[in-house]
C-alpha atoms as a PDB file:
ATOM      1  CA  UNK A   1       1.200 -19.625  -1.569  1.00  0.00           C
ATOM      2  CA  UNK A   2       1.308 -16.247  -0.026  1.00  0.00           C
ATOM      3  CA  UNK A   3       0.806 -15.795   3.819  1.00  0.00           C
ATOM      4  CA  UNK A   4      -2.687 -14.409   2.972  1.00  0.00           C
ATOM      5  CA  UNK A   5      -3.801 -17.952   1.435  1.00  0.00           C
ATOM      6  CA  UNK A   6      -3.020 -19.211   5.215  1.00  0.00           C
ATOM      7  CA  UNK A   7      -4.716 -18.779   8.508  1.00  0.00           C
ATOM      8  CA  UNK A   8      -2.249 -15.905   9.217  1.00  0.00           C
ATOM      9  CA  UNK A   9      -4.059 -13.983   6.547  1.00  0.00           C
ATOM     10  CA  UNK A  10      -7.196 -13.416   8.674  1.00  0.00           C
ATOM     11  CA  UNK A  11      -4.832 -12.413  11.491  1.00  0.00           C
ATOM     12  CA  UNK A  12      -3.241  -9.644   9.241  1.00  0.00           C
ATOM     13  CA  UNK A  13      -6.612  -8.331   8.156  1.00  0.00           C
ATOM     14  CA  UNK A  14      -7.874  -8.235  11.861  1.00  0.00           C
ATOM     15  CA  UNK A  15      -4.681  -6.285  13.030  1.00  0.00           C
ATOM     16  CA  UNK A  16      -5.123  -3.830  10.197  1.00  0.00           C
ATOM     17  CA  UNK A  17      -8.846  -3.126  11.072  1.00  0.00           C
ATOM     18  CA  UNK A  18      -8.021  -2.730  14.607  1.00  0.00           C
ATOM     19  CA  UNK A  19      -4.755  -0.597  14.401  1.00  0.00           C
ATOM     20  CA  UNK A  20      -4.989   1.441  11.083  1.00  0.00           C
ATOM     21  CA  UNK A  21      -8.000   3.432  11.928  1.00  0.00           C
ATOM     22  CA  UNK A  22      -6.167   4.501  15.246  1.00  0.00           C
ATOM     23  CA  UNK A  23      -3.105   5.712  13.287  1.00  0.00           C
ATOM     24  CA  UNK A  24      -0.794   2.750  13.706  1.00  0.00           C
ATOM     25  CA  UNK A  25       1.461   1.846  10.921  1.00  0.00           C
ATOM     26  CA  UNK A  26       1.948  -2.097  10.513  1.00  0.00           C
ATOM     27  CA  UNK A  27       4.776  -3.695   8.629  1.00  0.00           C
ATOM     28  CA  UNK A  28       4.042  -6.765   6.557  1.00  0.00           C
ATOM     29  CA  UNK A  29       5.623 -10.171   7.773  1.00  0.00           C
ATOM     30  CA  UNK A  30       8.675 -11.708   6.248  1.00  0.00           C
ATOM     31  CA  UNK A  31       8.438 -13.972   3.121  1.00  0.00           C
ATOM     32  CA  UNK A  32      10.730 -16.801   3.921  1.00  0.00           C
ATOM     33  CA  UNK A  33      11.454 -18.073   0.422  1.00  0.00           C
ATOM     34  CA  UNK A  34      14.579 -16.358  -1.270  1.00  0.00           C
ATOM     35  CA  UNK A  35      14.110 -17.790  -4.645  1.00  0.00           C
ATOM     36  CA  UNK A  36      10.442 -17.369  -5.426  1.00  0.00           C
ATOM     37  CA  UNK A  37      10.212 -13.790  -6.552  1.00  0.00           C
ATOM     38  CA  UNK A  38       6.786 -14.479  -8.372  1.00  0.00           C
ATOM     39  CA  UNK A  39       5.065 -15.318  -5.129  1.00  0.00           C
ATOM     40  CA  UNK A  40       6.829 -12.481  -3.339  1.00  0.00           C
ATOM     41  CA  UNK A  41       5.427 -10.079  -5.731  1.00  0.00           C
ATOM     42  CA  UNK A  42       1.918 -11.549  -5.173  1.00  0.00           C
ATOM     43  CA  UNK A  43       2.330 -11.015  -1.395  1.00  0.00           C
ATOM     44  CA  UNK A  44       3.685  -7.588  -1.825  1.00  0.00           C
ATOM     45  CA  UNK A  45       0.535  -6.609  -3.934  1.00  0.00           C
ATOM     46  CA  UNK A  46      -1.637  -7.764  -1.011  1.00  0.00           C
ATOM     47  CA  UNK A  47       0.582  -6.161   1.611  1.00  0.00           C
ATOM     48  CA  UNK A  48      -0.022  -2.960  -0.087  1.00  0.00           C
ATOM     49  CA  UNK A  49      -3.611  -3.778  -0.611  1.00  0.00           C
ATOM     50  CA  UNK A  50      -3.897  -4.026   3.316  1.00  0.00           C
ATOM     51  CA  UNK A  51      -2.188  -0.662   3.767  1.00  0.00           C
ATOM     52  CA  UNK A  52       0.948  -2.144   5.180  1.00  0.00           C
ATOM     53  CA  UNK A  53       3.835   0.449   5.421  1.00  0.00           C
ATOM     54  CA  UNK A  54       6.690  -1.925   4.579  1.00  0.00           C
ATOM     55  CA  UNK A  55       8.008  -5.453   4.561  1.00  0.00           C
ATOM     56  CA  UNK A  56      10.964  -7.057   6.388  1.00  0.00           C
ATOM     57  CA  UNK A  57      13.412  -8.742   4.013  1.00  0.00           C
ATOM     58  CA  UNK A  58      15.254 -11.792   5.338  1.00  0.00           C
ATOM     59  CA  UNK A  59      17.781 -11.758   2.408  1.00  0.00           C
ATOM     60  CA  UNK A  60      19.555  -9.029   0.188  1.00  0.00           C
ATOM     61  CA  UNK A  61      18.050 -10.635  -2.769  1.00  0.00           C
ATOM     62  CA  UNK A  62      14.552  -9.444  -1.709  1.00  0.00           C
ATOM     63  CA  UNK A  63      15.355  -5.688  -1.214  1.00  0.00           C
ATOM     64  CA  UNK A  64      15.068  -4.601  -4.863  1.00  0.00           C
ATOM     65  CA  UNK A  65      11.631  -6.099  -5.438  1.00  0.00           C
ATOM     66  CA  UNK A  66      10.309  -4.854  -2.065  1.00  0.00           C
ATOM     67  CA  UNK A  67      11.522  -1.384  -2.761  1.00  0.00           C
ATOM     68  CA  UNK A  68      10.056  -1.460  -6.251  1.00  0.00           C
ATOM     69  CA  UNK A  69       6.716  -2.525  -4.941  1.00  0.00           C
ATOM     70  CA  UNK A  70       6.641   0.256  -2.288  1.00  0.00           C
ATOM     71  CA  UNK A  71       7.599   2.902  -4.903  1.00  0.00           C
ATOM     72  CA  UNK A  72       4.725   5.466  -5.371  1.00  0.00           C
ATOM     73  CA  UNK A  73       3.797   5.838  -9.078  1.00  0.00           C
ATOM     74  CA  UNK A  74       3.282   9.216 -10.624  1.00  0.00           C
ATOM     75  CA  UNK A  75      -0.128   8.157 -11.334  1.00  0.00           C
ATOM     76  CA  UNK A  76      -0.858   7.593  -7.620  1.00  0.00           C
ATOM     77  CA  UNK A  77       0.673  10.953  -6.794  1.00  0.00           C
ATOM     78  CA  UNK A  78      -1.639  12.651  -9.299  1.00  0.00           C
ATOM     79  CA  UNK A  79      -4.711  10.836  -7.941  1.00  0.00           C
ATOM     80  CA  UNK A  80      -3.688  11.591  -4.434  1.00  0.00           C
ATOM     81  CA  UNK A  81      -3.323  15.403  -5.302  1.00  0.00           C
ATOM     82  CA  UNK A  82      -6.715  15.400  -6.918  1.00  0.00           C
ATOM     83  CA  UNK A  83      -8.340  13.529  -3.921  1.00  0.00           C
ATOM     84  CA  UNK A  84      -7.083  16.325  -1.423  1.00  0.00           C
ATOM     85  CA  UNK A  85      -7.553  19.250  -3.787  1.00  0.00           C
ATOM     86  CA  UNK A  86     -10.340  21.335  -2.259  1.00  0.00           C
ATOM     87  CA  UNK A  87     -11.662  22.146  -5.777  1.00  0.00           C
ATOM     88  CA  UNK A  88     -12.246  18.562  -6.512  1.00  0.00           C
ATOM     89  CA  UNK A  89     -15.957  17.220  -6.753  1.00  0.00           C
ATOM     90  CA  UNK A  90     -17.304  14.965  -4.058  1.00  0.00           C
ATOM     91  CA  UNK A  91     -16.954  12.092  -6.632  1.00  0.00           C
ATOM     92  CA  UNK A  92     -14.858  12.111  -9.925  1.00  0.00           C
ATOM     93  CA  UNK A  93     -13.413   9.559 -12.137  1.00  0.00           C
ATOM     94  CA  UNK A  94      -9.563   9.008 -12.995  1.00  0.00           C
ATOM     95  CA  UNK A  95      -8.707   6.326 -15.369  1.00  0.00           C
ATOM     96  CA  UNK A  96     -12.136   4.599 -15.259  1.00  0.00           C
ATOM     97  CA  UNK A  97     -11.850   4.379 -11.410  1.00  0.00           C
ATOM     98  CA  UNK A  98     -14.449   6.131  -9.065  1.00  0.00           C
ATOM     99  CA  UNK A  99     -12.488   8.580  -6.665  1.00  0.00           C
ATOM    100  CA  UNK A 100     -14.295   9.942  -3.496  1.00  0.00           C
ATOM    101  CA  UNK A 101     -12.244  12.239  -1.366  1.00  0.00           C
ATOM    102  CA  UNK A 102     -14.461  11.625   1.707  1.00  0.00           C
ATOM    103  CA  UNK A 103     -13.533   7.941   1.567  1.00  0.00           C
ATOM    104  CA  UNK A 104     -10.070   7.963   0.124  1.00  0.00           C
ATOM    105  CA  UNK A 105      -8.392  11.052   1.648  1.00  0.00           C
ATOM    106  CA  UNK A 106      -6.453   8.940   4.214  1.00  0.00           C
ATOM    107  CA  UNK A 107      -5.102   6.862   1.274  1.00  0.00           C
ATOM    108  CA  UNK A 108      -4.049  10.020  -0.453  1.00  0.00           C
ATOM    109  CA  UNK A 109      -2.294  11.435   2.633  1.00  0.00           C
ATOM    110  CA  UNK A 110      -0.317   8.195   2.819  1.00  0.00           C
ATOM    111  CA  UNK A 111       0.633   8.187  -0.669  1.00  0.00           C
ATOM    112  CA  UNK A 112       1.941  11.843  -0.707  1.00  0.00           C
ATOM    113  CA  UNK A 113       3.822  11.024   2.494  1.00  0.00           C
ATOM    114  CA  UNK A 114       5.571   8.024   0.933  1.00  0.00           C
ATOM    115  CA  UNK A 115       6.364   9.983  -2.332  1.00  0.00           C
ATOM    116  CA  UNK A 116       9.855  10.945  -2.786  1.00  0.00           C
ATOM    117  CA  UNK A 117       8.475  14.052  -4.515  1.00  0.00           C
ATOM    118  CA  UNK A 118       7.545  16.653  -2.009  1.00  0.00           C
ATOM    119  CA  UNK A 119       6.730  19.444  -4.162  1.00  0.00           C
ATOM    120  CA  UNK A 120       2.975  19.287  -3.527  1.00  0.00           C
END
């Protein structure tokens, strides 16, 4: 199970709710099993869904999957740019998902800040 399936999951959610709106970046806790890449991948998806900015590795074998999980996709960069474009509508659709700049602009700024491409 991931840490989110334990009582600590509620603590992480509470910390995010308190600190993220105030501009604090939080890092995800360690995943203590070296040889369970499947569950680590699940936990990383939930870390990202919570808006956590990184994850501590306790073994070198975890670094690659953590880095791959936090890598920004070209699709996210495209959506983030569109989200911050002053010419975009108040609500629009990309790949079947509703996008609302007023609600998602913080996400867009974070995505562009994490992107290795800085030509935006």
